[in-house]
C-alpha atoms as a PDB file:
ATOM      1  CA  MET A   1       0.298   0.205  -0.175  1.00  0.00           C
ATOM      2  CA  CYS A   2       0.782   3.243  -0.734  1.00  0.00           C
ATOM      3  CA  GLU A   3      -1.146   6.010   0.949  1.00  0.00           C
ATOM      4  CA  ALA A   4       0.484   9.049   2.211  1.00  0.00           C
ATOM      5  CA  SER A   5      -0.278  11.261   5.235  1.00  0.00           C
ATOM      6  CA  VAL A   6      -1.162  14.531   4.248  1.00  0.00           C
ATOM      7  CA  TYR A   7       0.561  18.052   7.098  1.00  0.00           C
ATOM      8  CA  LEU A   8       0.172  21.885   6.101  1.00  0.00           C
ATOM      9  CA  VAL A   9       2.439  23.513   7.493  1.00  0.00           C
ATOM     10  CA  GLN A  10       1.037  26.830  10.259  1.00  0.00           C
ATOM     11  CA  ASP A  11       3.708  28.963  12.191  1.00  0.00           C
ATOM     12  CA  GLY A  12       6.580  27.552  10.420  1.00  0.00           C
ATOM     13  CA  LYS A  13       4.600  24.483  12.063  1.00  0.00           C
ATOM     14  CA  GLU A  14       3.341  20.701   9.617  1.00  0.00           C
ATOM     15  CA  GLU A  15      -0.024  20.166  11.085  1.00  0.00           C
ATOM     16  CA  LEU A  16      -1.602  17.121  10.238  1.00  0.00           C
ATOM     17  CA  ILE A  17      -3.824  17.235   8.318  1.00  0.00           C
ATOM     18  CA  LEU A  18      -5.846  14.566   6.624  1.00  0.00           C
ATOM     19  CA  GLU A  19      -3.489  10.359   6.883  1.00  0.00           C
ATOM     20  CA  ASN A  20      -3.670   7.088   4.646  1.00  0.00           C
ATOM     21  CA  VAL A  21      -4.698   9.665   1.820  1.00  0.00           C
ATOM     22  CA  ASP A  22      -4.554   7.862  -1.518  1.00  0.00           C
ATOM     23  CA  GLU A  23      -5.954   9.788  -3.825  1.00  0.00           C
ATOM     24  CA  LEU A  24      -5.126  14.081  -4.433  1.00  0.00           C
ATOM     25  CA  HIS A  25      -6.708  16.941  -7.155  1.00  0.00           C
ATOM     26  CA  LYS A  26      -5.524  19.551  -7.588  1.00  0.00           C
ATOM     27  CA  GLU A  27      -9.082  22.212  -8.010  1.00  0.00           C
ATOM     28  CA  GLY A  28      -8.201  25.701  -8.854  1.00  0.00           C
ATOM     29  CA  ASP A  29      -6.552  26.896  -6.283  1.00  0.00           C
ATOM     30  CA  LYS A  30      -7.623  23.687  -3.902  1.00  0.00           C
ATOM     31  CA  ILE A  31      -6.430  20.536  -3.117  1.00  0.00           C
ATOM     32  CA  LYS A  32      -9.090  17.600  -1.852  1.00  0.00           C
ATOM     33  CA  MET A  33      -7.678  14.445  -0.409  1.00  0.00           C
ATOM     34  CA  ILE A  34      -9.120  11.331  -0.386  1.00  0.00           C
ATOM     35  CA  ASN A  35      -8.518   8.944   1.829  1.00  0.00           C
ATOM     36  CA  LEU A  36      -9.254   4.836   2.005  1.00  0.00           C
ATOM     37  CA  PHE A  37     -12.278   5.403   3.964  1.00  0.00           C
ATOM     38  CA  GLY A  38     -13.960   7.926   2.271  1.00  0.00           C
ATOM     39  CA  ASP A  39     -13.353  10.783   4.893  1.00  0.00           C
ATOM     40  CA  GLN A  40     -12.289  13.682   2.348  1.00  0.00           C
ATOM     41  CA  LYS A  41     -10.577  17.733   2.897  1.00  0.00           C
ATOM     42  CA  VAL A  42     -10.565  20.695   0.944  1.00  0.00           C
ATOM     43  CA  LEU A  43      -8.605  23.125   1.725  1.00  0.00           C
ATOM     44  CA  GLU A  44      -6.934  25.614  -0.129  1.00  0.00           C
ATOM     45  CA  ALA A  45      -2.984  25.530  -0.325  1.00  0.00           C
ATOM     46  CA  GLN A  46      -0.498  24.425  -2.562  1.00  0.00           C
ATOM     47  CA  ILE A  47       2.200  21.184  -2.652  1.00  0.00           C
ATOM     48  CA  LYS A  48       4.886  22.167  -1.037  1.00  0.00           C
ATOM     49  CA  MET A  49       6.728  18.448  -0.589  1.00  0.00           C
ATOM     50  CA  ILE A  50       6.025  14.875  -1.501  1.00  0.00           C
ATOM     51  CA  SER A  51       8.093  12.423   0.047  1.00  0.00           C
ATOM     52  CA  PHE A  52       7.693   9.002  -1.649  1.00  0.00           C
ATOM     53  CA  VAL A  53       9.608   7.010   0.435  1.00  0.00           C
ATOM     54  CA  ASN A  54       8.058   8.353   4.209  1.00  0.00           C
ATOM     55  CA  ASN A  55       4.610   8.831   2.336  1.00  0.00           C
ATOM     56  CA  LYS A  56       3.723  12.000   3.422  1.00  0.00           C
ATOM     57  CA  ILE A  57       2.615  14.973   1.316  1.00  0.00           C
ATOM     58  CA  VAL A  58       3.541  18.471   2.529  1.00  0.00           C
ATOM     59  CA  LEU A  59       0.818  21.255   1.687  1.00  0.00           C
ATOM     60  CA  GLU A  60       0.675  25.148   2.405  1.00  0.00           C
ATOM     61  CA  LYS A  61      -1.459  28.033   2.426  1.00  0.00           C
ATOM     62  CA  ALA A  62      -1.707  29.042  -1.333  1.00  0.00           C
ATOM     63  CA  GLY A  63      -0.519  33.280  -2.138  1.00  0.00           C
END
C-alpha cells in the first residue's frame, strides 16, 4: 500500500491534516484529499513537498 499522510505547514510547523490518503486532486487553487475510508478534506493550498519514500505530502497555504 502506498497511502500518504498529508500535513499543512502553519507557523513553521507541520500539522497533520489527513492520514491514509490515496487520492489528491487539484481543483483551481484548492487541493482535495480522499483517504481509504472515504474521508475527504479540501484546503486552499499548494503542494510544498512530496516524499514517496516517507509516504508524506506537505502543503502550504495558497497565496
